[in-house]
Amino acid sequence: MTVREEIAQALERAARAAGAQDPLPDLELSRTRNAAHGDFASPAGLKLARVLRRPPDQIARELAEKLELPGGAATAEPVGGYVNFRLRTEWLRRLVGEVVAAGPRYGASDQGGGERVQVEFLSTNPTGPLHIGHGRGAILGDALSSLLEFTGHSTWREYYINDYGRQARLFGASILARLRNQDPPANGYVGDYVTELAELARAAAVPETEEALQEFGLELMVERFKALLERLGVRYHEWFSERSLWESGEAQKAIDRLRQRGLLRERDGATWFVPAMDEEGGDADDRVVFRSDGAHTYFGSDLGYLVNRFETRGFHRVIEVWGADHHGYVPRMKQACAALGIDAERLVIILNQFVTLKEGKMSKRAGRFVTLEESTSSWRPPTTRPTPSITCSTRTHGSAGSSGRPPAASFPRSRTPTRSSIPGSSTWPASWPIGPTPSPRPPA
């Protein structure tokens, strides 16, 4: 209980002792704007005047006399119809001593009761550099995770890697086009970083195929993300591969469940999610599971990811941190939970707002952005803050071990380059750091 709560409760006890009956009016205890008036103040005399039928200043004096503050934390002084409270210097000194003695865990609680919470944040497509807007989401998600841990939750930080589907294939095609000095494909990716990737692929003798370049580019971008986030002091327990949801059959399992429940329907050659198919406006990909060409949408993957987290791994709660441009997708995810038989209240989605540049909006595909690399180039990673170990995973599905941590297999890294393994590595761009080797998962 905070000192403010203790003072508020003492004030209510004094009001009852003065003759006020429940329910009491709100006595509006708040911090003072002027330090000369103390630390907290309440217009209790004014609030109780109608109830007690006495002058406000008389009520304030009586309340100050009857107040019994635990631990002698503060003194009470009546001023007109107000009661002002000033924290005692002796109490503050004692509190500082308790804080120093408790160390970094001062204020921690077991309020969470060990509830297993997954926090999935940032998770931007690894098809372009992180920019300053992504930095906001990374720091928000990491801070939220730390707060949950501090209050007794078993928190699992996770990055969802979009390494499967149309955008990933388009990324590989963009690198191939640059490698061959051709124009990028329609809606492809441009920018100096694509040129750098093409040059690195050539140096590493990566086969000139979209698939090989897609895998090479995505893995290199993920390594770059890790190194950059390490600078911010942001680390994850797991980097989870979207591809694993389809390779394991988990995404298809979720889709089959909806089909059995009559919640999927064929129309115009595509497979639609029935609860949303007749809505007006919005992106069709928010409502389509399979396109007319047979390719799945990101919504199809999200269905499998919901089942994976709530059922396979058994998280009690999932918190996702998204950019504000995805606000329209929130109802869809809630609908998906309900359709799959998952309590939608267990899914919490937090939106963080955009960072606006003087010149206008940023665009990854157009190559117009301020990178997180640029904006944090002089930063150094924290040295005193404990951070979770990093694990990359395509996940093997089985029961969790006694530690409560879900089992995992290593993320394929056969083509992940290092400076020593790439021909011409002496010319490796300084802006492309390689992240740390994943360390073992921390004990429960």
Foldseek 3Di string as FASTA:
>chain_A
DDLQVQQLVLLVVLVVVVPADPPADPQDWDADPDCVLAGIKTLNLVRCCVVNVDALQVSQVSSQVRGDGPPQQWHWDGDRNMIGIHGDPVNVVVVVVVDVVVDPLPPFAQQVVAAEEEEEWLQDELLFFAFVQSVVGLVVSQVVQVVCVSHNYNYFYEHEYALDFDLLLLSLQQLLCLLVVHDRPVLHADAVVSNLLNVLCVLQVQDSDSVRSSVLSSLLSVQQVQALVQLVVGAGLEYEYLVLLVVVCLLVVLVVLLVVVVQWDDDPQFIFGNVPCPDPDDDRLLTTQADNVRTGGVVSSVSSVVCCVCPQLNRQAYEYEEEPVCVVSLVSSLVSCVSSVHHSVRYHYHYDYGDADPVGDADRRVHRGHGSCNVCVPGGGDDPDDDWFYAYFSDDGDYDDPQSDGDGDGDDCPSPDDLVSGRVSVVNDPSRDGHDDTDDGDGD
